[in-house]
Protein backbone atom coordinates (compact mmCIF):
# COMPACT_ATOMS: atom_id res chain seq x y z
CA UNK A 1 -0.04 0.01 0.66
CA UNK A 2 1.63 3.36 -0.80
CA UNK A 3 0.05 7.05 0.88
CA UNK A 4 -0.46 9.08 -1.76
CA UNK A 5 1.97 13.07 -0.93
CA UNK A 6 -0.74 14.70 1.19
CA UNK A 7 -1.30 12.15 3.40
CA UNK A 8 2.68 11.56 3.24
CA UNK A 9 3.05 15.47 3.99
CA UNK A 10 0.31 15.45 7.40
CA UNK A 11 2.45 12.33 8.57
CA UNK A 12 5.67 14.05 8.40
CA UNK A 13 4.17 17.28 10.19
CA UNK A 14 2.90 15.16 12.81
CA UNK A 15 6.45 13.67 13.33
CA UNK A 16 7.66 17.00 13.03
CA UNK A 17 5.85 18.20 16.56
CA UNK A 18 6.53 14.95 18.11
CA UNK A 19 10.01 15.42 17.41
CA UNK A 20 10.43 18.62 17.94
CA UNK A 21 8.90 18.18 21.29
CA UNK A 22 11.38 15.58 22.43
CA UNK A 23 14.14 18.31 20.86
CA UNK A 24 12.96 20.52 23.41
CA UNK A 25 13.02 18.28 25.97
CA UNK A 26 16.68 17.34 25.20
CA UNK A 27 17.67 21.28 24.66
CA UNK A 28 16.52 21.98 28.65
CA UNK A 29 18.47 18.50 29.52
CA UNK A 30 21.63 20.16 27.98
CA UNK A 31 20.96 23.84 28.68
CA UNK A 32 21.55 24.34 24.73
CA UNK A 33 19.83 24.50 21.62
CA UNK A 34 18.99 21.40 19.79
CA UNK A 35 17.58 20.81 15.81
CA UNK A 36 15.60 19.04 13.73
CA UNK A 37 15.75 17.93 10.41
CA UNK A 38 12.81 17.48 7.94
CA UNK A 39 11.44 14.38 8.63
CA UNK A 40 11.62 11.75 5.82
CA UNK A 41 8.97 9.23 5.16
CA UNK A 42 7.68 6.90 2.52
CA UNK A 43 7.18 2.74 2.29
CA UNK A 44 10.17 1.96 2.08
CA UNK A 45 11.66 -1.95 2.00
CA UNK A 46 13.13 -3.84 5.13
CA UNK A 47 16.56 -3.89 3.28
CA UNK A 48 16.90 -0.06 2.64
CA UNK A 49 16.02 0.42 6.20
CA UNK A 50 19.56 1.24 7.55
CA UNK A 51 20.43 3.18 3.79
CA UNK A 52 21.30 6.50 6.10
CA UNK A 53 24.02 4.56 8.04
CA UNK A 54 27.61 4.49 7.00
CA UNK A 55 27.26 0.12 7.35
CA UNK A 56 24.39 -1.75 8.55
CA UNK A 57 27.15 -2.94 10.67
CA UNK A 58 27.61 0.33 12.10
CA UNK A 59 27.74 -0.05 16.22
CA UNK A 60 24.98 2.26 17.31
CA UNK A 61 22.25 3.07 21.10
CA UNK A 62 19.10 2.59 20.37
CA UNK A 63 16.11 2.42 22.60
CA UNK A 64 12.87 0.65 21.23
CA UNK A 65 9.51 1.03 22.31
CA UNK A 66 6.75 -0.95 20.69
CA UNK A 67 3.44 0.95 20.79
CA UNK A 68 -0.06 -0.60 21.22
CA UNK A 69 -3.57 1.33 22.51
CA UNK A 70 -5.24 3.69 19.54
CA UNK A 71 -1.63 3.43 17.81
CA UNK A 72 0.32 -0.01 16.92
CA UNK A 73 4.18 0.03 15.52
CA UNK A 74 7.25 1.15 16.93
CA UNK A 75 8.98 4.07 17.66
CA UNK A 76 12.93 4.54 18.68
CA UNK A 77 15.89 6.76 19.41
CA UNK A 78 19.34 5.44 17.59
CA UNK A 79 22.59 7.47 18.02
CA UNK A 80 25.94 6.72 17.06
CA UNK A 81 28.39 5.99 19.72
CA UNK A 82 30.37 8.60 19.70
CA UNK A 83 27.16 10.90 20.21
CA UNK A 84 26.15 9.14 23.22
CA UNK A 85 29.52 9.78 24.95
CA UNK A 86 29.37 13.33 23.87
CA UNK A 87 25.64 13.62 25.64
CA UNK A 88 26.94 12.09 28.47
CA UNK A 89 30.01 13.86 28.55
CA UNK A 90 27.23 17.22 27.99
CA UNK A 91 24.70 15.80 31.15
CA UNK A 92 27.62 14.95 33.40
CA UNK A 93 30.62 18.11 32.95
CA UNK A 94 33.21 16.06 32.75
CA UNK A 95 34.84 13.62 29.68
CA UNK A 96 33.13 10.43 29.44
CA UNK A 97 35.30 7.93 27.67
CA UNK A 98 36.12 3.99 27.20
CA UNK A 99 37.62 1.31 25.92
CA UNK A 100 36.13 1.75 21.96
CA UNK A 101 37.59 -2.20 21.37
CA UNK A 102 36.07 -3.58 24.26
CA UNK A 103 32.22 -3.89 23.99
CA UNK A 104 31.47 -4.81 27.72
CA UNK A 105 33.25 -1.45 27.97
CA UNK A 106 31.03 0.47 25.35
CA UNK A 107 27.92 -1.19 27.15
CA UNK A 108 28.37 -0.02 30.88
CA UNK A 109 29.66 3.45 29.91
CA UNK A 110 26.42 3.52 27.91
CA UNK A 111 23.82 1.74 30.27
CA UNK A 112 22.44 5.42 31.69
CA UNK A 113 21.42 6.68 28.17
CA UNK A 114 18.61 4.25 27.73
CA UNK A 115 16.65 6.11 30.25
CA UNK A 116 17.51 9.59 28.43
CA UNK A 117 16.22 7.97 24.82
CA UNK A 118 13.10 6.78 26.77
CA UNK A 119 12.17 10.24 27.99
CA UNK A 120 12.60 11.35 24.52
CA UNK A 121 10.01 8.60 23.10
CA UNK A 122 7.64 9.56 25.89
CA UNK A 123 7.85 13.40 25.01
CA UNK A 124 7.36 12.48 21.08
CA UNK A 125 4.61 10.09 21.31
CA UNK A 126 2.87 12.70 24.02
CA UNK A 127 2.29 15.24 21.59
CA UNK A 128 1.25 12.99 18.76
CA UNK A 129 -1.56 11.91 21.67
CA UNK A 130 -2.48 15.42 22.77
CA UNK A 131 -2.47 16.04 18.97
CA UNK A 132 -4.83 13.58 17.91
CA UNK A 133 -6.43 12.79 21.30
CA UNK A 134 -5.54 8.83 20.00
CA UNK A 135 -4.65 6.57 23.19
CA UNK A 136 -0.91 5.48 23.07
CA UNK A 137 0.86 2.73 24.85
CA UNK A 138 4.39 2.16 24.72
CA UNK A 139 5.67 -1.04 25.86
CA UNK A 140 8.70 -1.33 28.35
CA UNK A 141 12.36 -0.02 26.30
CA UNK A 142 14.14 -1.90 25.00
CA UNK A 143 17.91 -0.56 25.06
CA UNK A 144 20.72 -1.90 23.16
CA UNK A 145 24.18 -1.31 22.11
CA UNK A 146 24.36 -3.29 18.70
CA UNK A 147 24.75 -2.88 15.08
CA UNK A 148 22.44 -0.74 13.77
CA UNK A 149 20.94 -3.65 11.44
CA UNK A 150 20.30 -5.84 14.71
CA UNK A 151 18.18 -3.27 16.38
CA UNK A 152 16.24 -2.50 13.36
CA UNK A 153 15.40 -6.23 13.30
CA UNK A 154 12.92 -6.25 16.06
CA UNK A 155 10.30 -4.36 13.52
CA UNK A 156 11.52 -6.30 10.94
CA UNK A 157 10.72 -9.64 12.66
CA UNK A 158 7.53 -8.62 13.23
CA UNK A 159 6.35 -6.80 9.78
CA UNK A 160 8.25 -8.67 7.53
CA UNK A 161 5.70 -11.91 7.97
CA UNK A 162 2.72 -10.05 6.93
CA UNK A 163 4.83 -7.22 4.67
CA UNK A 164 7.97 -6.43 2.34
CA UNK A 165 7.83 -3.17 3.19
CA UNK A 166 7.36 -0.40 6.15
CA UNK A 167 6.00 3.04 6.32
CA UNK A 168 9.23 4.73 8.54
CA UNK A 169 9.40 8.09 9.43
CA UNK A 170 12.70 8.97 9.94
CA UNK A 171 13.86 12.59 11.58
CA UNK A 172 17.64 14.01 12.24
CA UNK A 173 18.17 15.85 15.61
CA UNK A 174 21.56 17.69 16.34
CA UNK A 175 23.06 19.95 18.41
CA UNK A 176 24.44 23.13 16.68
CA UNK A 177 28.33 22.02 17.17
CA UNK A 178 27.42 18.56 15.64
CA UNK A 179 28.31 16.69 19.18
CA UNK A 180 25.51 15.35 19.91
CA UNK A 181 23.32 13.91 16.68
CA UNK A 182 20.32 11.17 16.66
CA UNK A 183 17.64 10.11 14.84
CA UNK A 184 13.96 9.37 15.81
CA UNK A 185 11.88 6.94 13.75
CA UNK A 186 8.04 6.69 14.10
CA UNK A 187 7.24 3.39 12.71
CA UNK A 188 3.20 2.91 12.52
CA UNK A 189 1.43 0.34 10.94
CA UNK A 190 -0.81 0.88 8.11
CA UNK A 191 -4.19 0.85 9.82
CA UNK A 192 -2.80 2.99 12.58
CA UNK A 193 -1.73 5.83 9.94
CA UNK A 194 -5.43 5.47 8.79
CA UNK A 195 -6.64 5.86 12.70
CA UNK A 196 -4.20 9.09 13.03
CA UNK A 197 -5.13 10.74 9.63
CA UNK A 198 -8.95 9.97 10.64
CA UNK A 199 -8.37 11.64 14.04
CA UNK A 200 -7.64 14.72 12.33
CA UNK A 201 -10.24 14.34 9.62
CA UNK A 202 -7.90 13.50 6.80
CA UNK A 203 -9.62 10.06 5.61
CA UNK A 204 -13.54 8.94 5.85
CA UNK A 205 -15.04 6.67 7.77
CA UNK A 206 -14.38 3.31 6.06
CA UNK A 207 -10.38 3.91 5.85
CA UNK A 208 -10.51 4.01 9.54
């Protein structure tokens, strides 16, 4: 199934509001400006979901929440390891380092990032829920330091058996010095997209 351009634009704007609120929360934590890029959204093949990274094997820090209630799907925050270390350094006021050749050291040093990413996801979802009056129930967050391909496997494993593509809304966020960069991903099921659009009067009742 493909979405018309005008509906994709609405979904991008909804995601823009969600990611904007989440970035504002991060800006408050850091006491500095955090900007967001223009959201990119389309029905993409699972094999293309990691195309915005240098390699599917790139090591990243990711938090994934599965959504239920009126909206089903996933929301994710993913950062490269260097950005995650820089974020911790900014928050703690002291340089955060680890042995880049020691996976266990990286995981131990970055363990506290999971709660920060969870807060960002929650703020993102609250903005969408307030805008649409839909109930969105997030799961317990899944936090991991792994290859980007491995983190993306969770939505792929659930959607893969029923479809060969997925609606993925991807938004970049970054500080002005580019020391902290990451991505928000909002991946709703197609049925949930129709429900979301219907809540805004975009689609008729038979598409709910």
